[in-house]
Protein backbone atom coordinates (compact mmCIF):
# COMPACT_ATOMS: atom_id res chain seq x y z
CA MET A 1 0.00 0.00 0.00
CA THR A 2 1.46 3.23 -1.06
CA THR A 3 0.81 6.44 0.63
CA THR A 4 0.86 9.68 -1.19
CA GLN A 5 2.06 12.80 0.45
CA PRO A 6 -0.19 15.78 0.21
CA PRO A 7 1.12 18.43 -2.11
CA ARG A 8 3.04 21.26 -0.50
CA ALA A 9 1.27 24.49 -0.35
CA ARG A 10 2.69 27.01 -2.73
CA THR A 11 3.70 30.20 -1.14
CA THR A 12 3.77 33.29 -3.18
CA ARG A 13 6.75 35.50 -2.54
CA PRO A 14 6.38 39.19 -2.88
CA ALA A 15 8.12 40.72 -5.84
CA PRO A 16 11.54 42.00 -4.90
CA THR A 17 11.64 45.68 -4.37
CA THR A 18 14.61 47.66 -5.63
CA SER A 19 16.15 50.39 -3.64
CA ALA A 20 16.33 52.60 -6.69
CA THR A 21 13.32 54.77 -7.11
CA PRO A 22 12.11 56.02 -10.45
CA LYS A 23 13.78 59.21 -11.56
CA THR A 24 11.53 62.18 -11.40
CA GLU A 25 11.89 65.67 -12.70
CA ALA A 26 12.46 66.85 -9.13
CA ASP A 27 15.59 64.71 -8.84
CA LYS A 28 17.34 66.18 -11.89
CA PRO A 29 18.26 69.57 -10.38
CA ALA A 30 19.65 67.80 -7.32
CA ARG A 31 21.78 65.52 -9.49
CA ARG A 32 23.00 68.46 -11.54
CA GLY A 33 23.89 70.27 -8.35
CA LEU A 34 25.84 67.25 -7.11
CA ALA A 35 27.74 67.03 -10.40
CA ALA A 36 28.57 70.72 -10.21
CA ARG A 37 29.87 70.31 -6.67
CA VAL A 38 32.04 67.36 -7.72
CA SER A 39 33.43 69.26 -10.72
CA LEU A 40 34.22 72.33 -8.65
CA GLY A 41 35.85 70.09 -6.08
CA ARG A 42 38.20 68.76 -8.74
CA VAL A 43 38.97 72.24 -10.02
CA PHE A 44 39.83 73.63 -6.60
CA ALA A 45 41.51 70.48 -5.31
CA PRO A 46 44.86 71.10 -3.60
CA VAL A 47 47.82 70.94 -5.97
CA PRO A 48 51.24 69.47 -5.14
CA SER A 49 54.05 71.68 -3.92
CA GLU A 50 55.90 71.02 -7.20
CA PHE A 51 53.01 72.64 -9.09
CA LEU A 52 53.20 75.75 -6.92
CA LEU A 53 56.99 75.95 -7.20
CA ILE A 54 57.07 75.65 -10.99
CA ALA A 55 54.13 78.01 -11.51
CA SER A 56 55.42 80.70 -9.12
CA THR A 57 58.96 80.74 -10.53
CA THR A 58 57.58 80.84 -14.07
CA LEU A 59 55.38 83.85 -13.30
CA LEU A 60 58.15 85.66 -11.42
CA LEU A 61 60.66 85.14 -14.24
CA THR A 62 58.10 86.29 -16.82
CA VAL A 63 57.27 89.48 -14.92
CA PHE A 64 60.97 90.10 -14.23
CA GLY A 65 61.65 89.68 -17.94
CA LEU A 66 58.93 92.16 -18.93
CA VAL A 67 60.41 94.78 -16.60
CA MET A 68 63.92 94.25 -17.98
CA VAL A 69 62.74 94.33 -21.61
CA LEU A 70 61.01 97.65 -20.90
CA SER A 71 64.20 99.02 -19.37
CA ALA A 72 66.45 97.71 -22.16
CA THR A 73 64.29 99.01 -25.04
CA SER A 74 63.01 102.31 -23.69
CA ALA A 75 66.09 104.31 -24.74
CA THR A 76 66.27 103.09 -28.33
CA ALA A 77 62.49 103.38 -28.72
CA THR A 78 62.56 106.99 -27.54
CA ALA A 79 65.47 107.76 -29.87
CA ALA A 80 63.44 106.35 -32.77
CA GLY A 81 60.56 108.70 -31.94
CA GLU A 82 58.36 105.99 -30.43
CA ALA A 83 56.84 105.64 -26.98
CA PRO A 84 59.23 104.13 -24.40
CA TRP A 85 56.88 101.19 -23.88
CA GLU A 86 56.36 100.51 -27.60
CA MET A 87 58.61 97.44 -27.77
CA VAL A 88 57.56 95.86 -24.50
CA LEU A 89 53.86 96.00 -25.42
CA LYS A 90 54.40 93.21 -27.97
CA GLN A 91 56.04 91.10 -25.29
CA VAL A 92 53.16 91.83 -22.91
CA VAL A 93 50.66 90.62 -25.53
CA PHE A 94 52.43 87.26 -25.80
CA ALA A 95 52.64 87.02 -22.01
CA VAL A 96 48.91 87.72 -21.69
CA ILE A 97 48.22 84.97 -24.23
CA GLY A 98 50.83 82.52 -22.93
CA ILE A 99 50.05 82.56 -19.20
CA PRO A 100 46.37 81.52 -19.59
CA LEU A 101 47.43 78.91 -22.15
CA MET A 102 49.93 77.58 -19.60
CA PHE A 103 47.22 77.05 -16.99
CA ILE A 104 44.83 75.58 -19.57
CA ALA A 105 47.56 73.12 -20.60
CA SER A 106 48.10 72.26 -16.93
CA ARG A 107 44.48 70.98 -16.74
CA LEU A 108 44.95 68.48 -19.57
CA PRO A 109 45.59 64.85 -18.59
CA VAL A 110 48.81 62.99 -19.30
CA THR A 111 47.00 60.80 -21.84
CA PHE A 112 46.28 63.91 -23.92
CA TRP A 113 49.97 64.77 -24.16
CA LYS A 114 50.77 61.20 -25.18
CA LYS A 115 48.26 61.47 -28.01
CA MET A 116 49.67 64.84 -29.04
CA ALA A 117 53.26 63.59 -29.47
CA TRP A 118 53.11 62.82 -33.20
CA PRO A 119 50.84 65.78 -34.14
CA ALA A 120 53.09 68.17 -32.18
CA LEU A 121 56.22 66.98 -33.99
CA ILE A 122 54.56 67.08 -37.41
CA PHE A 123 53.24 70.59 -36.74
CA GLY A 124 56.65 71.74 -35.49
CA VAL A 125 58.50 70.45 -38.57
CA ALA A 126 55.87 71.80 -40.98
CA PHE A 127 55.93 75.18 -39.24
CA GLN A 128 59.73 75.26 -39.38
CA LEU A 129 59.69 74.53 -43.13
CA LEU A 130 57.82 77.80 -43.65
CA VAL A 131 61.12 79.66 -43.23
CA PHE A 132 62.11 78.36 -46.68
CA THR A 133 58.99 79.79 -48.29
CA PRO A 134 58.40 83.44 -49.28
CA LEU A 135 57.13 83.96 -45.72
CA GLY A 136 60.62 83.31 -44.32
CA HIS A 137 63.46 85.78 -43.98
CA GLY A 138 66.89 85.96 -42.40
CA ALA A 139 68.22 87.82 -39.38
CA ASP A 140 71.87 88.05 -38.30
CA GLY A 141 72.91 85.48 -40.88
CA ASN A 142 70.25 82.90 -39.88
CA ARG A 143 67.13 82.13 -41.87
CA ASN A 144 64.85 81.14 -39.01
CA TRP A 145 62.07 83.73 -39.03
CA ILE A 146 58.71 84.08 -40.77
CA THR A 147 56.41 87.09 -41.07
CA ILE A 148 52.63 86.62 -41.19
CA ALA A 149 50.29 89.64 -41.21
CA GLY A 150 53.03 91.88 -39.85
CA PHE A 151 53.91 89.52 -36.97
CA GLN A 152 57.28 87.84 -36.79
CA ALA A 153 57.67 84.32 -35.41
CA GLN A 154 60.50 81.84 -34.92
CA PRO A 155 59.04 78.40 -35.70
CA SER A 156 61.97 76.48 -34.24
CA GLU A 157 60.83 77.48 -30.75
CA PHE A 158 57.68 75.37 -31.09
CA LEU A 159 59.72 72.52 -32.57
CA LYS A 160 61.48 72.19 -29.20
CA LEU A 161 58.28 71.23 -27.37
CA GLY A 162 57.11 68.96 -30.17
CA LEU A 163 60.44 67.12 -30.22
CA ALA A 164 60.45 66.70 -26.42
CA LEU A 165 56.96 65.15 -26.43
CA TRP A 166 57.67 62.90 -29.42
CA VAL A 167 60.98 61.53 -28.09
CA ALA A 168 59.32 60.83 -24.73
CA TYR A 169 56.43 59.01 -26.38
CA VAL A 170 58.70 56.82 -28.55
CA LEU A 171 60.92 55.86 -25.62
CA PHE A 172 57.83 55.25 -23.47
CA ARG A 173 56.37 52.86 -26.05
CA LYS A 174 59.72 51.02 -26.26
CA ARG A 175 60.45 51.03 -22.53
CA THR A 176 60.79 47.22 -22.40
CA LEU A 177 63.18 47.17 -25.38
CA LEU A 178 65.62 49.92 -24.40
CA THR A 179 68.38 47.45 -23.59
CA LYS A 180 68.91 46.97 -27.34
CA TRP A 181 70.52 49.83 -29.22
CA GLN A 182 68.50 49.11 -32.37
CA HIS A 183 65.24 49.92 -30.59
CA VAL A 184 66.76 53.01 -28.97
CA PHE A 185 68.10 54.55 -32.17
CA ILE A 186 65.27 53.61 -34.55
CA PRO A 187 63.17 55.62 -35.26
CA LEU A 188 64.57 58.12 -32.74
CA VAL A 189 67.80 59.10 -34.48
CA PRO A 190 66.50 59.37 -38.08
CA VAL A 191 63.35 61.32 -37.22
CA ALA A 192 65.03 63.61 -34.65
CA GLY A 193 67.93 64.14 -37.05
CA LEU A 194 65.52 65.17 -39.79
CA ALA A 195 63.79 67.64 -37.48
CA ILE A 196 67.12 69.15 -36.39
CA ALA A 197 68.29 69.30 -40.01
CA THR A 198 65.40 71.65 -40.85
CA VAL A 199 66.87 74.11 -38.32
CA LEU A 200 70.46 73.60 -39.47
CA ALA A 201 69.35 74.33 -43.04
CA GLY A 202 68.68 77.87 -41.85
CA ASP A 203 72.22 78.11 -40.33
CA ASP A 204 70.88 78.31 -36.78
CA LEU A 205 73.44 76.21 -34.91
CA GLY A 206 72.48 77.58 -31.48
CA THR A 207 68.88 76.36 -31.69
CA ALA A 208 70.03 73.06 -33.18
CA MET A 209 72.27 72.54 -30.15
CA ILE A 210 69.30 73.06 -27.84
CA LEU A 211 67.31 70.47 -29.82
CA VAL A 212 70.20 68.02 -29.46
CA LEU A 213 70.24 68.69 -25.70
CA ILE A 214 66.51 67.88 -25.53
CA VAL A 215 67.06 64.51 -27.24
CA LEU A 216 70.07 63.68 -25.03
CA GLY A 217 68.18 64.72 -21.88
CA ALA A 218 65.24 62.51 -22.81
CA LEU A 219 67.59 59.59 -23.48
CA PHE A 220 69.28 60.09 -20.11
CA PHE A 221 66.04 60.11 -18.13
CA SER A 222 64.68 57.12 -20.06
CA GLY A 223 67.21 54.96 -18.21
CA VAL A 224 69.09 53.57 -21.21
CA LYS A 225 72.47 52.00 -20.61
CA LEU A 226 75.38 54.41 -20.37
CA ARG A 227 77.17 52.98 -23.40
CA ILE A 228 74.03 53.51 -25.50
CA PHE A 229 73.68 57.08 -24.21
CA VAL A 230 77.33 57.99 -24.82
CA LEU A 231 77.27 57.09 -28.52
CA PRO A 232 74.72 59.73 -29.61
CA ALA A 233 76.35 62.27 -27.26
CA ILE A 234 79.73 61.79 -28.95
CA ALA A 235 78.10 61.89 -32.39
CA ALA A 236 76.33 65.15 -31.51
CA ALA A 237 79.53 66.75 -30.22
CA GLY A 238 81.35 65.70 -33.38
CA ALA A 239 78.62 67.12 -35.60
CA VAL A 240 78.67 70.47 -33.76
CA ALA A 241 82.48 70.64 -34.04
CA PHE A 242 82.31 69.85 -37.76
CA LEU A 243 79.67 72.51 -38.41
CA ALA A 244 81.70 75.07 -36.44
CA VAL A 245 84.95 74.34 -38.27
CA THR A 246 83.40 74.36 -41.74
CA SER A 247 81.71 77.74 -41.25
CA PRO A 248 84.03 80.79 -41.54
CA ASP A 249 81.63 82.97 -39.53
CA ARG A 250 81.34 80.49 -36.65
CA MET A 251 85.08 79.81 -36.70
CA ARG A 252 85.83 83.54 -36.54
CA ARG A 253 83.57 83.98 -33.49
CA PHE A 254 85.10 80.95 -31.83
CA MET A 255 88.63 82.26 -32.35
CA SER A 256 87.66 85.65 -30.94
CA PHE A 257 86.30 83.82 -27.90
CA LEU A 258 89.71 82.14 -27.41
CA ASN A 259 91.61 85.40 -27.97
CA PRO A 260 92.94 86.66 -24.60
CA ASN A 261 93.63 90.11 -26.13
CA CYS A 262 90.11 90.68 -27.34
CA LEU A 263 90.62 94.46 -27.37
CA ASP A 264 92.72 94.03 -30.51
CA ASP A 265 89.54 93.01 -32.33
CA TYR A 266 87.26 95.49 -30.58
CA PHE A 267 85.39 96.75 -33.64
CA ASN A 268 84.69 93.27 -35.02
CA ASP A 269 83.73 90.02 -33.28
CA CYS A 270 84.82 91.13 -29.81
CA TYR A 271 82.60 94.21 -29.75
CA GLN A 272 79.46 92.55 -28.38
CA PRO A 273 81.14 90.21 -25.84
CA LEU A 274 83.26 93.07 -24.47
CA HIS A 275 80.31 95.40 -23.97
CA GLY A 276 78.40 92.58 -22.28
CA ILE A 277 81.25 92.04 -19.81
CA TRP A 278 81.64 95.79 -19.26
CA GLY A 279 77.92 96.08 -18.51
CA LEU A 280 78.14 93.33 -15.89
CA ALA A 281 81.30 94.82 -14.38
CA SER A 282 79.93 98.35 -14.12
CA GLY A 283 76.93 97.11 -12.13
CA GLY A 284 78.99 95.99 -9.15
CA VAL A 285 77.12 94.47 -6.24
CA PHE A 286 74.01 96.68 -6.13
CA GLY A 287 73.88 97.91 -9.74
CA LEU A 288 73.36 101.35 -11.23
CA GLY A 289 69.65 101.26 -10.55
CA LEU A 290 66.69 100.06 -12.60
CA GLY A 291 66.58 102.01 -15.88
CA ASN A 292 70.07 103.51 -15.48
CA SER A 293 71.97 101.23 -17.85
CA ARG A 294 74.47 102.92 -20.15
CA GLU A 295 75.00 99.95 -22.46
CA LYS A 296 71.36 100.00 -23.58
CA TYR A 297 71.94 103.30 -25.38
CA ASP A 298 72.81 101.34 -28.51
CA TRP A 299 76.25 100.35 -27.24
CA LEU A 300 75.41 96.70 -26.62
CA PRO A 301 73.88 94.85 -29.60
CA ALA A 302 70.88 92.63 -28.80
CA ALA A 303 70.62 94.20 -25.34
CA ALA A 304 66.98 93.11 -24.96
CA ASN A 305 67.46 89.70 -26.59
CA ASP A 306 70.51 87.48 -26.16
CA TYR A 307 72.29 89.90 -23.79
CA ILE A 308 69.42 90.79 -21.45
CA PHE A 309 71.38 89.23 -18.57
CA ALA A 310 74.10 91.88 -19.05
CA ILE A 311 71.49 94.60 -18.57
CA VAL A 312 70.26 92.81 -15.43
CA GLY A 313 73.81 92.83 -14.04
CA GLU A 314 74.41 96.44 -14.96
CA GLU A 315 71.18 97.83 -13.49
CA LEU A 316 70.60 95.44 -10.57
CA GLY A 317 74.15 94.28 -9.92
CA LEU A 318 75.29 91.00 -8.48
CA ILE A 319 72.14 90.82 -6.36
CA GLY A 320 69.87 90.97 -9.41
CA CYS A 321 71.90 88.28 -11.19
CA ALA A 322 71.76 86.08 -8.09
CA VAL A 323 67.97 86.45 -7.96
CA VAL A 324 67.66 85.32 -11.59
CA LEU A 325 69.92 82.32 -10.96
CA ALA A 326 68.00 81.45 -7.79
CA LEU A 327 64.67 81.51 -9.66
CA PHE A 328 66.00 79.17 -12.34
CA ALA A 329 67.41 76.92 -9.62
CA LEU A 330 64.02 76.75 -7.88
CA PHE A 331 62.37 76.00 -11.20
CA ALA A 332 64.83 73.15 -11.74
CA VAL A 333 64.16 71.80 -8.23
CA GLY A 334 60.42 71.66 -8.88
CA ALA A 335 60.90 70.01 -12.27
CA PHE A 336 63.35 67.42 -10.93
CA HIS A 337 60.92 66.56 -8.14
CA VAL A 338 58.35 65.76 -10.84
CA ILE A 339 60.91 63.53 -12.56
CA ARG A 340 61.82 61.76 -9.32
CA LYS A 341 58.33 61.18 -7.92
CA THR A 342 56.42 60.05 -10.99
CA ASP A 343 55.91 56.37 -11.83
CA ASP A 344 54.97 57.10 -15.46
CA PRO A 345 57.98 56.70 -17.82
CA PHE A 346 56.45 59.14 -20.32
CA VAL A 347 56.15 61.85 -17.67
CA ARG A 348 59.70 61.25 -16.47
CA ILE A 349 61.23 61.39 -19.97
CA ALA A 350 59.18 64.35 -21.25
CA ALA A 351 59.74 66.35 -18.05
CA GLY A 352 63.46 65.59 -18.29
CA GLY A 353 63.66 66.82 -21.87
CA ILE A 354 61.73 70.02 -21.11
CA THR A 355 63.82 70.72 -18.01
CA VAL A 356 67.09 70.22 -19.87
CA TRP A 357 65.78 72.54 -22.59
CA ILE A 358 64.78 75.44 -20.31
CA VAL A 359 67.50 75.22 -17.67
CA GLY A 360 70.21 74.24 -20.15
CA GLN A 361 69.34 77.10 -22.49
CA ALA A 362 69.40 79.54 -19.56
CA LEU A 363 72.86 78.35 -18.51
CA ILE A 364 74.16 78.60 -22.08
CA ASN A 365 72.81 82.14 -22.48
CA ILE A 366 74.31 83.27 -19.17
CA GLY A 367 77.58 81.52 -20.05
CA VAL A 368 77.74 83.45 -23.33
CA VAL A 369 77.28 86.76 -21.50
CA LEU A 370 80.02 85.76 -19.02
CA ARG A 371 82.28 84.72 -21.94
CA VAL A 372 82.34 81.12 -20.74
CA PHE A 373 80.99 80.12 -24.18
CA PRO A 374 81.33 81.75 -27.60
CA VAL A 375 78.40 83.74 -28.95
CA LEU A 376 75.68 81.20 -29.87
CA GLY A 377 72.58 83.35 -30.28
CA VAL A 378 70.17 81.61 -27.91
CA PRO A 379 67.72 83.69 -25.83
CA LEU A 380 67.32 83.61 -22.06
CA PRO A 381 64.03 81.76 -21.36
CA PHE A 382 61.20 83.89 -19.94
CA MET A 383 63.31 87.07 -20.02
CA SER A 384 64.68 87.76 -23.50
CA GLN A 385 62.60 89.80 -25.91
CA GLY A 386 60.80 87.52 -28.35
CA GLY A 387 57.15 86.58 -28.25
CA THR A 388 57.56 83.17 -29.89
CA SER A 389 60.22 82.11 -27.40
CA LEU A 390 58.12 83.27 -24.44
CA LEU A 391 54.97 81.55 -25.74
CA SER A 392 56.69 78.22 -26.37
CA VAL A 393 58.38 78.22 -22.96
CA LEU A 394 55.09 79.01 -21.20
CA LEU A 395 53.39 76.15 -23.06
CA ALA A 396 56.21 73.82 -22.03
CA CYS A 397 55.73 74.93 -18.42
CA GLY A 398 52.02 74.13 -18.80
CA VAL A 399 52.99 70.57 -19.75
CA LEU A 400 55.23 70.37 -16.67
CA LEU A 401 52.36 71.62 -14.50
CA ALA A 402 50.07 68.96 -15.98
CA PHE A 403 52.68 66.36 -15.05
CA ALA A 404 52.91 67.82 -11.54
CA ARG A 405 49.14 67.40 -11.10
CA SER A 406 49.54 63.67 -11.72
CA LEU A 407 52.02 63.23 -8.86
CA PRO A 408 49.50 62.49 -6.04
CA ALA A 409 48.12 59.53 -8.01
CA SER A 410 51.66 58.34 -8.77
CA VAL A 411 52.69 58.56 -5.13
CA ALA A 412 49.51 56.74 -4.05
CA ARG A 413 50.16 53.92 -6.51
CA ARG A 414 53.74 53.62 -5.35
CA GLU A 415 52.76 53.52 -1.67
CA ALA A 416 50.07 50.92 -2.42
CA ALA A 417 52.63 48.77 -4.25
CA ILE A 418 55.07 49.07 -1.34
CA ALA A 419 52.35 48.18 1.17
CA SER A 420 51.30 45.20 -0.93
CA ALA A 421 54.88 43.96 -1.18
CA ARG A 422 55.36 44.39 2.56
CA ALA A 423 52.16 42.45 3.29
CA ALA A 424 53.28 39.67 0.94
CA ARG A 425 56.60 39.40 2.79
CA GLU A 426 54.81 39.23 6.13
CA ARG A 427 52.55 36.44 4.87
CA ALA A 428 55.58 34.55 3.58
CA LYS A 429 57.30 34.86 6.99
CA LEU A 430 54.18 33.53 8.75
CA ARG A 431 54.06 30.49 6.45
CA VAL A 432 57.73 29.76 7.15
CA VAL A 433 57.18 29.99 10.93
CA ARG A 434 54.21 27.63 10.79
């Protein structure tokens, strides 16, 4: 006899209720307000100390440069029947454009600058090639200027930033292959050499040397082996020596630099270096006073451009020169902190190339004024008259500031990796003890 069990009673479960409630029109303003608060929180989030250091020194050097350009050009402008501030107004326009662009660039993420590497280099080379068109013209024996709608520009200044970003991107993409010289030199050497050749074609050896320094600086901070780094450095030095020896004009300036009795050649190649040294010497410790330079009365050629540091020494003395050097040193400290703290190879390499460009160019310019180097014709960053140079340097500083903004995330990732490794070691020790 089989017994059948009564069927179980079916229980109906209530439909699950979700915590999310239907969106209503009343909720939309609240959500928009929340999004606005989050966005403003990101905008006004605290920035690293490196950001503040780089930004403050950049602004101080720019303002200092505007004051010195006004002082150096006021006499010649007045003598030409123009207003004393006529020349500095052009520099002010580029500063007013460049400073906001710098802070806009600082808001862009690192991924944007990686994507801009190839376009920046292509734009820089194409812009530089305009000097060989009817728009281009020469100045002081170099064909490196263009004139568009009455405005002069030096395209090679923008090529510096484009080359720094491109070299960093290529070395970043090949970071696991940098132990082999083939992957280091290709396509780096051919493409960079082509870009530098467009500047050398205009006989601008000084700017070409700065471009070579950018490439070497990027290679150094990429962490390649020393023997791989030394080879392009030796090749670059040999190329510069060859170009100097084969050019009568460069060779003449170099020989005047080596001449201990430069007064014998006063009216020729020694004229400008001597007046630069005399301007520095006459300033003494405290200087003649702002605006009281004597060399700016058309005695010192390029007083507002390549020799602006001589006017600083003459009017503000040793103290003024020390302030300029201290500002560049603080700028370098902030930039090197970005290089040291980041965990992104692209940031490290690009920041290294930009830092070598700006600080290295400043040291070369000051060395020329002090007669440590022969006359090379490179401006003093932030301070020399020249809107294109100022604009390109401010944009490069914007890239550095964008890199500085990424440091908190880099430091957090590094600390998390260290904590994880420490925890793994502790777990391994416990397993051994057990």
